[in-house]
Amino acid sequence: MATRLPPRRQNDPTLGKYLGTFSNLNVLDFNVGMALTHANYYFSYGVHWVNGGNIQNEGDFMDGYPAEQMVQAGFRNGLTENLALAVNA
């Protein structure tokens, strides 16, 4: 089932050029992170979408998105030679 734009949006300069065509949006972005490790503990921090989607080939179609930050900490310990325990938060 095709979705139709309301008449007032069909002449929109941003959306109008995509009517009846296929849009190809390519975004280049990257992630950054670091981790501090110990034999039994670790702490890591990372940022996803650092550039916010600002390197793209269709600049009018998408304004970008906010970077996301992640923090993780955990404990790990070998119980036997073949079994380990890991807890993350």
Protein backbone atom coordinates (compact mmCIF):
# COMPACT_ATOMS: atom_id res chain seq x y z
CA MET A 1 0.00 0.00 0.00
CA ALA A 2 1.50 3.33 -1.07
CA THR A 3 1.45 6.29 1.28
CA ARG A 4 0.43 9.58 -0.30
CA LEU A 5 1.51 13.03 0.77
CA PRO A 6 -1.19 15.59 1.48
CA PRO A 7 -1.56 18.16 -1.33
CA ARG A 8 0.10 20.93 0.70
CA ARG A 9 3.28 18.78 1.12
CA GLN A 10 3.59 17.67 -2.52
CA ASN A 11 5.20 20.99 -3.51
CA ASP A 12 7.58 20.98 -0.55
CA PRO A 13 11.10 21.71 -1.91
CA THR A 14 12.74 19.12 0.34
CA LEU A 15 10.30 16.24 -0.14
CA GLY A 16 9.10 17.07 -3.67
CA LYS A 17 12.26 15.88 -5.40
CA TYR A 18 11.76 12.38 -3.90
CA LEU A 19 8.19 11.86 -5.18
CA GLY A 20 8.10 8.86 -7.51
CA THR A 21 11.82 8.16 -7.07
CA PHE A 22 14.09 6.15 -4.81
CA SER A 23 16.11 7.99 -2.19
CA ASN A 24 19.61 6.80 -1.37
CA LEU A 25 20.91 8.27 1.90
CA ASN A 26 24.51 7.44 2.85
CA VAL A 27 25.87 8.55 6.23
CA LEU A 28 29.49 8.32 7.41
CA ASP A 29 30.05 8.37 11.15
CA PHE A 30 32.31 6.80 13.74
CA ASN A 31 32.50 5.61 17.34
CA VAL A 32 35.14 6.32 20.01
CA GLY A 33 35.80 4.40 23.19
CA MET A 34 38.30 3.40 25.81
CA ALA A 35 38.59 0.74 28.49
CA LEU A 36 40.57 0.36 31.70
CA THR A 37 41.12 -3.29 32.53
CA HIS A 38 42.40 -5.35 35.42
CA ALA A 39 42.63 -9.13 35.77
CA ASN A 40 39.19 -9.19 37.50
CA TYR A 41 37.61 -5.78 36.81
CA TYR A 42 37.02 -3.44 33.89
CA PHE A 43 35.54 -0.02 33.21
CA SER A 44 34.73 1.26 29.72
CA TYR A 45 33.33 4.42 28.16
CA GLY A 46 32.20 4.89 24.57
CA VAL A 47 30.50 7.43 22.32
CA HIS A 48 28.36 6.23 19.40
CA TRP A 49 27.61 8.52 16.40
CA VAL A 50 30.33 11.02 17.34
CA ASN A 51 29.80 13.16 14.23
CA GLY A 52 26.00 13.18 14.63
CA GLY A 53 25.39 12.14 11.02
CA ASN A 54 26.71 15.39 9.57
CA ILE A 55 28.76 13.68 6.82
CA GLN A 56 26.08 12.57 4.34
CA ASN A 57 25.18 12.79 0.67
CA GLU A 58 21.61 14.13 1.10
CA GLY A 59 21.96 17.05 3.50
CA ASP A 60 18.38 18.31 3.12
CA PHE A 61 16.73 15.05 4.04
CA MET A 62 18.17 14.48 7.53
CA ASP A 63 19.38 17.03 10.07
CA GLY A 64 21.47 14.52 12.02
CA TYR A 65 21.10 12.87 15.38
CA PRO A 66 22.66 13.28 18.83
CA ALA A 67 25.70 11.30 19.93
CA GLU A 68 25.03 8.55 22.46
CA GLN A 69 27.30 7.87 25.42
CA MET A 70 27.75 4.47 27.05
CA VAL A 71 29.43 3.45 30.31
CA GLN A 72 30.01 -0.14 31.36
CA ALA A 73 31.71 -1.68 34.36
CA GLY A 74 32.09 -5.28 35.31
CA PHE A 75 33.66 -8.05 37.30
CA ARG A 76 35.05 -11.26 35.83
CA ASN A 77 36.61 -14.27 37.51
CA GLY A 78 37.56 -17.76 36.41
CA LEU A 79 35.83 -20.36 38.58
CA THR A 80 37.48 -23.38 36.97
CA GLU A 81 39.67 -23.95 33.93
CA ASN A 82 36.57 -24.21 31.70
CA LEU A 83 34.06 -21.96 33.55
CA ALA A 84 34.11 -18.22 34.21
CA LEU A 85 31.75 -15.76 35.88
CA ALA A 86 31.15 -12.27 34.46
CA VAL A 87 28.87 -9.56 35.88
CA ASN A 88 28.20 -6.29 33.97
CA ALA A 89 26.46 -3.10 34.96
